[in-house]
N, C-alpha and C. Protein backbone atom coordinates (compact mmCIF):
# COMPACT_ATOMS: atom_id res chain seq x y z
N MET A 1 128.91 70.03 73.14
CA MET A 1 127.75 70.17 73.97
C MET A 1 126.52 70.22 73.07
N SER A 2 125.51 69.41 73.38
CA SER A 2 124.30 69.38 72.54
C SER A 2 123.32 70.46 72.99
N THR A 3 122.50 70.87 72.05
CA THR A 3 121.49 71.88 72.38
C THR A 3 120.34 71.20 73.10
N PRO A 4 119.78 71.88 74.08
CA PRO A 4 118.66 71.28 74.81
C PRO A 4 117.46 71.10 73.87
N ARG A 5 116.82 69.99 73.99
CA ARG A 5 115.65 69.73 73.16
C ARG A 5 114.39 70.15 73.91
N PRO A 6 113.39 70.60 73.17
CA PRO A 6 112.15 71.01 73.85
C PRO A 6 111.50 69.79 74.49
N ALA A 7 111.20 69.91 75.73
CA ALA A 7 110.60 68.79 76.45
C ALA A 7 109.10 68.81 76.31
N SER A 8 108.52 67.64 76.40
CA SER A 8 107.07 67.53 76.44
C SER A 8 106.65 67.70 77.90
N PRO A 9 105.52 68.35 78.15
CA PRO A 9 105.06 68.49 79.54
C PRO A 9 104.75 67.14 80.18
N ASN A 10 104.52 66.13 79.37
CA ASN A 10 104.27 64.79 79.87
C ASN A 10 105.59 64.03 79.82
N PRO A 11 106.16 63.67 80.97
CA PRO A 11 107.48 63.03 81.00
C PRO A 11 107.55 61.74 80.17
N GLY A 12 106.47 61.04 79.99
CA GLY A 12 106.48 59.81 79.23
C GLY A 12 106.24 60.00 77.75
N GLU A 13 106.12 61.24 77.34
CA GLU A 13 105.76 61.56 75.96
C GLU A 13 106.91 62.31 75.29
N LEU A 14 107.25 61.89 74.09
CA LEU A 14 108.29 62.60 73.34
C LEU A 14 107.78 63.96 72.89
N ALA A 15 108.68 64.92 72.79
CA ALA A 15 108.33 66.20 72.15
C ALA A 15 107.97 65.89 70.70
N ILE A 16 107.15 66.71 70.10
CA ILE A 16 106.69 66.47 68.73
C ILE A 16 107.87 66.26 67.78
N ALA A 17 108.87 67.11 67.85
CA ALA A 17 110.02 66.98 66.94
C ALA A 17 110.72 65.64 67.13
N GLU A 18 110.85 65.20 68.37
CA GLU A 18 111.48 63.90 68.63
C GLU A 18 110.62 62.76 68.07
N GLN A 19 109.33 62.87 68.27
CA GLN A 19 108.42 61.85 67.77
C GLN A 19 108.51 61.75 66.26
N VAL A 20 108.50 62.89 65.59
CA VAL A 20 108.59 62.91 64.13
C VAL A 20 109.94 62.33 63.67
N ALA A 21 110.99 62.64 64.39
CA ALA A 21 112.32 62.08 64.05
C ALA A 21 112.31 60.55 64.15
N VAL A 22 111.65 60.02 65.17
CA VAL A 22 111.53 58.56 65.30
C VAL A 22 110.74 57.99 64.13
N TYR A 23 109.64 58.65 63.79
CA TYR A 23 108.83 58.20 62.65
C TYR A 23 109.67 58.18 61.37
N GLN A 24 110.44 59.23 61.16
CA GLN A 24 111.30 59.31 59.97
C GLN A 24 112.36 58.21 59.97
N ARG A 25 112.90 57.93 61.13
CA ARG A 25 113.90 56.87 61.24
C ARG A 25 113.28 55.51 60.87
N GLU A 26 112.08 55.25 61.37
CA GLU A 26 111.44 53.95 61.18
C GLU A 26 110.69 53.85 59.85
N PHE A 27 110.24 54.99 59.34
CA PHE A 27 109.47 55.02 58.09
C PHE A 27 109.92 56.25 57.31
N PRO A 28 111.02 56.14 56.56
CA PRO A 28 111.63 57.30 55.90
C PRO A 28 110.71 58.05 54.94
N LEU A 29 109.64 57.44 54.49
CA LEU A 29 108.74 58.12 53.56
C LEU A 29 107.79 59.11 54.23
N VAL A 30 107.78 59.14 55.56
CA VAL A 30 106.88 60.05 56.25
C VAL A 30 107.25 61.50 55.93
N ASP A 31 106.25 62.31 55.70
CA ASP A 31 106.46 63.75 55.46
C ASP A 31 106.53 64.43 56.83
N PRO A 32 107.69 64.96 57.22
CA PRO A 32 107.82 65.52 58.57
C PRO A 32 106.89 66.70 58.82
N GLN A 33 106.61 67.50 57.79
CA GLN A 33 105.70 68.63 57.98
C GLN A 33 104.29 68.14 58.28
N VAL A 34 103.84 67.18 57.47
CA VAL A 34 102.49 66.63 57.67
C VAL A 34 102.41 65.98 59.05
N GLU A 35 103.41 65.17 59.39
CA GLU A 35 103.37 64.46 60.66
C GLU A 35 103.41 65.43 61.84
N THR A 36 104.16 66.51 61.72
CA THR A 36 104.21 67.52 62.78
C THR A 36 102.83 68.15 62.97
N ILE A 37 102.18 68.50 61.88
CA ILE A 37 100.84 69.12 61.96
C ILE A 37 99.84 68.16 62.59
N VAL A 38 99.81 66.93 62.07
CA VAL A 38 98.83 65.96 62.54
C VAL A 38 99.09 65.58 64.00
N SER A 39 100.33 65.37 64.36
CA SER A 39 100.65 65.03 65.75
C SER A 39 100.30 66.17 66.69
N THR A 40 100.57 67.39 66.27
CA THR A 40 100.25 68.55 67.10
C THR A 40 98.74 68.68 67.27
N LEU A 41 97.99 68.53 66.17
CA LEU A 41 96.53 68.60 66.27
C LEU A 41 95.99 67.54 67.22
N GLY A 42 96.54 66.34 67.15
CA GLY A 42 96.10 65.27 68.04
C GLY A 42 96.34 65.61 69.50
N ARG A 43 97.51 66.15 69.79
CA ARG A 43 97.82 66.52 71.18
C ARG A 43 96.95 67.67 71.65
N VAL A 44 96.75 68.65 70.78
CA VAL A 44 95.89 69.77 71.15
C VAL A 44 94.49 69.25 71.49
N ALA A 45 93.94 68.39 70.65
CA ALA A 45 92.59 67.85 70.88
C ALA A 45 92.52 67.08 72.19
N ARG A 46 93.52 66.22 72.45
CA ARG A 46 93.52 65.44 73.70
C ARG A 46 93.60 66.35 74.92
N ARG A 47 94.49 67.33 74.87
CA ARG A 47 94.65 68.21 76.02
C ARG A 47 93.43 69.11 76.22
N MET A 48 92.80 69.53 75.14
CA MET A 48 91.56 70.30 75.27
C MET A 48 90.47 69.45 75.93
N ASN A 49 90.35 68.20 75.51
CA ASN A 49 89.35 67.31 76.11
C ASN A 49 89.59 67.13 77.60
N VAL A 50 90.84 67.00 78.00
CA VAL A 50 91.16 66.87 79.42
C VAL A 50 90.75 68.14 80.16
N ALA A 51 91.08 69.30 79.60
CA ALA A 51 90.74 70.57 80.25
C ALA A 51 89.23 70.74 80.37
N TYR A 52 88.50 70.44 79.30
CA TYR A 52 87.03 70.53 79.37
C TYR A 52 86.48 69.55 80.40
N GLY A 53 87.05 68.35 80.44
CA GLY A 53 86.60 67.36 81.42
C GLY A 53 86.78 67.84 82.85
N ARG A 54 87.90 68.50 83.11
CA ARG A 54 88.14 69.06 84.46
C ARG A 54 87.09 70.12 84.80
N GLN A 55 86.79 70.96 83.82
CA GLN A 55 85.79 72.00 84.06
C GLN A 55 84.42 71.39 84.37
N LEU A 56 84.05 70.36 83.62
CA LEU A 56 82.76 69.71 83.85
C LEU A 56 82.73 69.02 85.21
N THR A 57 83.86 68.46 85.63
CA THR A 57 83.94 67.83 86.95
C THR A 57 83.64 68.85 88.04
N VAL A 58 84.18 70.05 87.88
CA VAL A 58 83.91 71.13 88.84
C VAL A 58 82.40 71.39 88.92
N LEU A 59 81.72 71.28 87.79
CA LEU A 59 80.28 71.54 87.75
C LEU A 59 79.45 70.32 88.17
N GLY A 60 80.12 69.18 88.34
CA GLY A 60 79.41 67.97 88.75
C GLY A 60 78.68 67.26 87.62
N ILE A 61 79.13 67.48 86.38
CA ILE A 61 78.52 66.78 85.25
C ILE A 61 79.61 66.11 84.42
N THR A 62 79.20 65.12 83.65
CA THR A 62 80.13 64.41 82.78
C THR A 62 80.07 65.00 81.38
N SER A 63 81.05 64.66 80.56
CA SER A 63 81.01 65.12 79.18
C SER A 63 79.83 64.50 78.44
N ALA A 64 79.46 63.27 78.79
CA ALA A 64 78.29 62.63 78.18
C ALA A 64 77.02 63.40 78.52
N GLU A 65 76.91 63.85 79.76
CA GLU A 65 75.74 64.64 80.16
C GLU A 65 75.75 66.00 79.47
N TRP A 66 76.94 66.59 79.35
CA TRP A 66 77.05 67.88 78.68
C TRP A 66 76.56 67.77 77.23
N GLU A 67 76.87 66.66 76.57
CA GLU A 67 76.43 66.47 75.18
C GLU A 67 74.91 66.47 75.09
N VAL A 68 74.24 65.88 76.05
CA VAL A 68 72.77 65.89 76.07
C VAL A 68 72.27 67.32 76.30
N LEU A 69 72.86 68.01 77.26
CA LEU A 69 72.47 69.40 77.52
C LEU A 69 72.65 70.24 76.27
N LYS A 70 73.78 70.06 75.59
CA LYS A 70 74.05 70.81 74.36
C LYS A 70 73.00 70.52 73.30
N ALA A 71 72.66 69.25 73.12
CA ALA A 71 71.66 68.88 72.11
C ALA A 71 70.33 69.56 72.39
N LEU A 72 69.95 69.63 73.66
CA LEU A 72 68.69 70.28 74.02
C LEU A 72 68.76 71.80 73.79
N VAL A 73 69.89 72.40 74.12
CA VAL A 73 70.06 73.84 73.88
C VAL A 73 70.03 74.13 72.38
N VAL A 74 70.73 73.31 71.61
CA VAL A 74 70.77 73.51 70.15
C VAL A 74 69.37 73.36 69.55
N ALA A 75 68.53 72.50 70.13
CA ALA A 75 67.16 72.33 69.65
C ALA A 75 66.36 73.62 69.80
N GLY A 76 66.77 74.49 70.71
CA GLY A 76 66.10 75.77 70.91
C GLY A 76 64.95 75.67 71.88
N SER A 77 64.49 76.84 72.29
CA SER A 77 63.39 76.91 73.25
C SER A 77 62.18 76.20 72.67
N PRO A 78 61.53 75.37 73.42
CA PRO A 78 61.56 75.15 74.86
C PRO A 78 62.55 74.08 75.32
N TYR A 79 63.59 73.79 74.55
CA TYR A 79 64.68 72.88 74.92
C TYR A 79 64.16 71.47 75.20
N GLN A 80 63.44 70.94 74.21
CA GLN A 80 62.85 69.62 74.34
C GLN A 80 63.17 68.77 73.12
N LEU A 81 63.38 67.48 73.35
CA LEU A 81 63.52 66.49 72.28
C LEU A 81 63.00 65.16 72.80
N GLY A 82 62.63 64.30 71.89
CA GLY A 82 62.29 62.93 72.27
C GLY A 82 63.56 62.15 72.50
N PRO A 83 63.50 61.08 73.29
CA PRO A 83 64.71 60.29 73.55
C PRO A 83 65.28 59.66 72.28
N GLY A 84 64.44 59.27 71.34
CA GLY A 84 64.93 58.70 70.09
C GLY A 84 65.72 59.71 69.28
N GLU A 85 65.20 60.94 69.22
CA GLU A 85 65.91 62.00 68.49
C GLU A 85 67.23 62.34 69.18
N LEU A 86 67.23 62.38 70.51
CA LEU A 86 68.47 62.62 71.24
C LEU A 86 69.49 61.53 70.94
N ALA A 87 69.05 60.27 70.98
CA ALA A 87 69.95 59.14 70.70
C ALA A 87 70.54 59.26 69.31
N LYS A 88 69.72 59.59 68.34
CA LYS A 88 70.20 59.73 66.96
C LYS A 88 71.22 60.86 66.84
N ARG A 89 70.92 62.00 67.44
CA ARG A 89 71.84 63.14 67.37
C ARG A 89 73.18 62.86 68.03
N LEU A 90 73.18 62.01 69.05
CA LEU A 90 74.40 61.72 69.80
C LEU A 90 75.08 60.43 69.35
N GLY A 91 74.46 59.73 68.40
CA GLY A 91 75.06 58.49 67.92
C GLY A 91 75.02 57.38 68.95
N LEU A 92 73.95 57.32 69.73
CA LEU A 92 73.81 56.32 70.78
C LEU A 92 72.69 55.35 70.45
N THR A 93 72.73 54.20 71.07
CA THR A 93 71.60 53.28 70.97
C THR A 93 70.50 53.80 71.88
N PRO A 94 69.26 53.45 71.60
CA PRO A 94 68.17 53.88 72.50
C PRO A 94 68.39 53.43 73.95
N ALA A 95 68.92 52.22 74.14
CA ALA A 95 69.16 51.74 75.51
C ALA A 95 70.20 52.61 76.23
N ALA A 96 71.28 52.97 75.53
CA ALA A 96 72.30 53.82 76.13
C ALA A 96 71.73 55.20 76.46
N MET A 97 70.86 55.70 75.57
CA MET A 97 70.24 57.01 75.80
C MET A 97 69.34 56.95 77.02
N THR A 98 68.57 55.87 77.16
CA THR A 98 67.68 55.72 78.31
C THR A 98 68.48 55.73 79.61
N HIS A 99 69.58 55.01 79.63
CA HIS A 99 70.43 54.96 80.82
C HIS A 99 70.95 56.36 81.16
N ARG A 100 71.41 57.08 80.15
CA ARG A 100 71.94 58.43 80.37
C ARG A 100 70.84 59.36 80.89
N ILE A 101 69.66 59.28 80.30
CA ILE A 101 68.54 60.14 80.73
C ILE A 101 68.15 59.81 82.17
N ASP A 102 68.14 58.52 82.53
CA ASP A 102 67.81 58.14 83.91
C ASP A 102 68.71 58.87 84.90
N ARG A 103 70.03 58.87 84.64
CA ARG A 103 70.97 59.55 85.53
C ARG A 103 70.71 61.05 85.57
N MET A 104 70.44 61.62 84.40
CA MET A 104 70.27 63.07 84.32
C MET A 104 68.96 63.53 84.98
N VAL A 105 67.92 62.72 84.93
CA VAL A 105 66.68 63.03 85.64
C VAL A 105 66.95 63.03 87.14
N ALA A 106 67.67 62.01 87.61
CA ALA A 106 68.01 61.92 89.04
C ALA A 106 68.86 63.10 89.50
N GLU A 107 69.65 63.68 88.60
CA GLU A 107 70.51 64.82 88.93
C GLU A 107 69.82 66.16 88.67
N ASP A 108 68.54 66.14 88.29
CA ASP A 108 67.77 67.36 88.01
C ASP A 108 68.37 68.20 86.87
N LEU A 109 68.93 67.50 85.87
CA LEU A 109 69.45 68.20 84.69
C LEU A 109 68.41 68.25 83.59
N VAL A 110 67.56 67.22 83.54
CA VAL A 110 66.48 67.14 82.56
C VAL A 110 65.25 66.53 83.24
N THR A 111 64.10 66.73 82.59
CA THR A 111 62.89 66.03 83.00
C THR A 111 62.47 65.09 81.88
N ARG A 112 61.70 64.08 82.25
CA ARG A 112 61.15 63.14 81.28
C ARG A 112 59.66 63.07 81.57
N GLU A 113 58.87 63.52 80.60
CA GLU A 113 57.42 63.55 80.78
C GLU A 113 56.73 62.98 79.55
N ARG A 114 55.55 62.46 79.74
CA ARG A 114 54.71 62.03 78.62
C ARG A 114 54.16 63.28 77.94
N ASP A 115 54.10 63.24 76.61
CA ASP A 115 53.52 64.32 75.83
C ASP A 115 52.00 64.27 76.03
N GLU A 116 51.41 65.34 76.53
CA GLU A 116 49.97 65.37 76.78
C GLU A 116 49.15 65.19 75.51
N ALA A 117 49.70 65.66 74.39
CA ALA A 117 48.99 65.55 73.10
C ALA A 117 49.10 64.14 72.51
N ASN A 118 50.13 63.41 72.89
CA ASN A 118 50.37 62.06 72.37
C ASN A 118 50.99 61.25 73.50
N ARG A 119 50.18 60.56 74.27
CA ARG A 119 50.62 59.88 75.49
C ARG A 119 51.68 58.81 75.25
N VAL A 120 51.87 58.39 73.99
CA VAL A 120 52.90 57.40 73.68
C VAL A 120 54.27 58.06 73.64
N ARG A 121 54.28 59.32 73.27
CA ARG A 121 55.54 60.06 73.09
C ARG A 121 56.05 60.58 74.43
N VAL A 122 57.39 60.45 74.61
CA VAL A 122 58.07 60.97 75.80
C VAL A 122 58.86 62.21 75.38
N ILE A 123 58.89 63.20 76.25
CA ILE A 123 59.63 64.43 75.97
C ILE A 123 60.70 64.61 77.04
N ILE A 124 61.92 64.84 76.59
CA ILE A 124 63.04 65.16 77.49
C ILE A 124 63.23 66.67 77.41
N GLU A 125 63.20 67.32 78.57
CA GLU A 125 63.30 68.78 78.60
C GLU A 125 64.40 69.21 79.56
N LEU A 126 65.12 70.22 79.17
CA LEU A 126 66.18 70.82 79.98
C LEU A 126 65.55 71.50 81.20
N THR A 127 66.11 71.25 82.37
CA THR A 127 65.65 71.94 83.58
C THR A 127 66.42 73.25 83.74
N ALA A 128 65.95 74.08 84.67
CA ALA A 128 66.67 75.33 84.97
C ALA A 128 68.08 74.99 85.47
N ASN A 129 68.22 73.95 86.27
CA ASN A 129 69.53 73.52 86.76
C ASN A 129 70.42 73.06 85.61
N GLY A 130 69.86 72.28 84.69
CA GLY A 130 70.62 71.81 83.53
C GLY A 130 71.08 72.97 82.67
N ARG A 131 70.19 73.94 82.44
CA ARG A 131 70.56 75.11 81.64
C ARG A 131 71.64 75.93 82.34
N SER A 132 71.51 76.07 83.65
CA SER A 132 72.50 76.82 84.42
C SER A 132 73.88 76.16 84.32
N LYS A 133 73.91 74.84 84.44
CA LYS A 133 75.20 74.12 84.33
C LYS A 133 75.77 74.26 82.92
N TRP A 134 74.92 74.19 81.90
CA TRP A 134 75.40 74.34 80.53
C TRP A 134 75.98 75.75 80.34
N LEU A 135 75.26 76.77 80.80
CA LEU A 135 75.74 78.15 80.65
C LEU A 135 77.07 78.36 81.39
N GLU A 136 77.19 77.81 82.59
CA GLU A 136 78.44 77.96 83.34
C GLU A 136 79.58 77.23 82.64
N SER A 137 79.29 76.07 82.06
CA SER A 137 80.34 75.35 81.32
C SER A 137 80.80 76.17 80.12
N MET A 138 79.87 76.85 79.48
CA MET A 138 80.22 77.70 78.32
C MET A 138 81.06 78.89 78.77
N ARG A 139 80.73 79.47 79.92
CA ARG A 139 81.52 80.59 80.43
C ARG A 139 82.95 80.13 80.73
N MET A 140 83.07 78.98 81.38
CA MET A 140 84.39 78.45 81.71
C MET A 140 85.17 78.11 80.44
N ALA A 141 84.50 77.53 79.47
CA ALA A 141 85.16 77.17 78.21
C ALA A 141 85.62 78.42 77.47
N ALA A 142 84.82 79.48 77.50
CA ALA A 142 85.19 80.72 76.80
C ALA A 142 86.48 81.29 77.37
N VAL A 143 86.63 81.25 78.68
CA VAL A 143 87.85 81.75 79.33
C VAL A 143 89.04 80.88 78.90
N PHE A 144 88.87 79.56 78.97
CA PHE A 144 89.93 78.63 78.58
C PHE A 144 90.31 78.82 77.12
N GLU A 145 89.31 78.94 76.25
CA GLU A 145 89.58 79.04 74.81
C GLU A 145 90.28 80.35 74.46
N GLU A 146 89.94 81.40 75.15
CA GLU A 146 90.62 82.68 74.90
C GLU A 146 92.08 82.57 75.32
N GLU A 147 92.33 81.91 76.45
CA GLU A 147 93.72 81.68 76.88
C GLU A 147 94.45 80.79 75.88
N LEU A 148 93.77 79.78 75.39
CA LEU A 148 94.36 78.85 74.43
C LEU A 148 94.81 79.58 73.16
N LEU A 149 94.01 80.53 72.72
CA LEU A 149 94.29 81.23 71.46
C LEU A 149 95.05 82.55 71.65
N GLN A 150 95.55 82.81 72.84
CA GLN A 150 96.18 84.10 73.10
C GLN A 150 97.39 84.38 72.23
N ASP A 151 98.07 83.35 71.73
CA ASP A 151 99.25 83.56 70.90
C ASP A 151 98.91 83.64 69.40
N ILE A 152 97.63 83.55 69.10
CA ILE A 152 97.17 83.67 67.71
C ILE A 152 96.40 84.98 67.62
N THR A 153 96.89 85.88 66.79
CA THR A 153 96.29 87.21 66.72
C THR A 153 94.88 87.13 66.14
N THR A 154 94.11 88.18 66.40
CA THR A 154 92.75 88.22 65.84
C THR A 154 92.80 88.25 64.31
N ALA A 155 93.87 88.78 63.75
CA ALA A 155 94.02 88.77 62.29
C ALA A 155 94.33 87.37 61.76
N GLU A 156 95.01 86.54 62.55
CA GLU A 156 95.36 85.17 62.12
C GLU A 156 94.22 84.18 62.31
N ARG A 157 93.32 84.47 63.21
CA ARG A 157 92.27 83.51 63.57
C ARG A 157 91.36 83.12 62.41
N PRO A 158 90.93 84.04 61.55
CA PRO A 158 90.08 83.60 60.43
C PRO A 158 90.79 82.59 59.51
N ALA A 159 92.07 82.79 59.26
CA ALA A 159 92.81 81.86 58.40
C ALA A 159 92.92 80.49 59.07
N LEU A 160 93.22 80.47 60.36
CA LEU A 160 93.31 79.20 61.08
C LEU A 160 91.95 78.49 61.06
N SER A 161 90.91 79.23 61.32
CA SER A 161 89.56 78.67 61.31
C SER A 161 89.22 78.07 59.95
N GLU A 162 89.55 78.78 58.91
CA GLU A 162 89.26 78.31 57.55
C GLU A 162 90.06 77.05 57.23
N MET A 163 91.33 77.02 57.60
CA MET A 163 92.17 75.85 57.32
C MET A 163 91.68 74.62 58.09
N LEU A 164 91.36 74.81 59.36
CA LEU A 164 90.86 73.69 60.15
C LEU A 164 89.51 73.21 59.61
N GLY A 165 88.69 74.14 59.15
CA GLY A 165 87.41 73.78 58.54
C GLY A 165 87.60 72.92 57.30
N ARG A 166 88.59 73.27 56.48
CA ARG A 166 88.89 72.45 55.29
C ARG A 166 89.34 71.06 55.68
N MET A 167 90.17 70.97 56.73
CA MET A 167 90.62 69.65 57.20
C MET A 167 89.43 68.83 57.69
N LEU A 168 88.54 69.47 58.44
CA LEU A 168 87.37 68.77 58.96
C LEU A 168 86.48 68.27 57.82
N ARG A 169 86.23 69.13 56.84
CA ARG A 169 85.42 68.71 55.68
C ARG A 169 86.06 67.54 54.95
N ARG A 170 87.37 67.56 54.79
CA ARG A 170 88.07 66.47 54.10
C ARG A 170 87.87 65.15 54.83
N ILE A 171 88.06 65.16 56.13
CA ILE A 171 87.92 63.89 56.86
C ILE A 171 86.46 63.43 56.87
N GLU A 172 85.52 64.37 56.95
CA GLU A 172 84.11 63.98 56.92
C GLU A 172 83.70 63.43 55.56
N GLU A 173 84.31 63.95 54.48
CA GLU A 173 84.00 63.46 53.13
C GLU A 173 84.66 62.11 52.85
N THR A 174 85.87 61.92 53.34
CA THR A 174 86.61 60.70 53.00
C THR A 174 86.46 59.60 54.04
N GLN A 175 86.04 59.95 55.25
CA GLN A 175 85.87 58.99 56.33
C GLN A 175 84.49 59.18 56.96
N PRO A 176 83.43 58.82 56.26
CA PRO A 176 82.08 59.13 56.78
C PRO A 176 81.81 58.55 58.16
N ASP A 177 82.46 57.45 58.51
CA ASP A 177 82.24 56.88 59.84
C ASP A 177 83.00 57.64 60.92
N ALA A 178 83.80 58.64 60.55
CA ALA A 178 84.52 59.44 61.53
C ALA A 178 83.57 60.27 62.39
N LEU A 179 82.33 60.41 61.94
CA LEU A 179 81.34 61.15 62.71
C LEU A 179 80.88 60.37 63.93
N GLY A 180 81.09 59.10 63.94
CA GLY A 180 80.64 58.25 65.04
C GLY A 180 79.84 57.08 64.50
N ARG A 181 79.53 56.18 65.36
CA ARG A 181 78.80 54.98 64.98
C ARG A 181 77.31 55.32 64.87
N THR A 182 76.84 55.54 63.64
CA THR A 182 75.42 55.85 63.44
C THR A 182 74.76 54.97 62.40
N ASP A 183 75.52 54.08 61.76
CA ASP A 183 74.97 53.29 60.65
C ASP A 183 73.81 52.41 61.10
N ASP A 184 73.81 51.95 62.34
CA ASP A 184 72.72 51.06 62.75
C ASP A 184 71.56 51.85 63.40
N LEU A 185 71.64 53.17 63.40
CA LEU A 185 70.59 53.97 64.00
C LEU A 185 69.65 54.60 62.98
N THR A 186 69.94 54.45 61.69
CA THR A 186 69.11 55.10 60.68
C THR A 186 67.97 54.23 60.23
């Protein structure tokens, strides 16, 4: 009698151990420890993105809109940026940014006004509704993230954070384009 294998929650997806075993069968030089870590990180990232997307759907905003809201919040009070600066921060073309802003103005998430001091300059500003949606998304994410990390003790979290930070720095140093398509925006 064989031992039951851990199933993947996705019926069409192999459990990580099974996937790594296939990789080893087809490419014997694969390091099973490395492949297990990398495959697990990939699945965690995909599933987190799905969960965040569901939360944003409840709020009636897209992840693309959330990124704009975040950029304005990160800019600090009074939560304003020019469309060119927003496009650069998000790795978008100016045309794509304009399209996104058009939708967000119609949804009362941001305003677009001419700068009174410089009539050529346009200012994108977070609305009260946009800020409210961003804050609610953060509240929902905090609950989800605490549940996600419930099996990792508070004593273990700094080490995990530090290790993931090292991995992120490595990929950013060795794969500069991993940040997104920005080479034609500079």
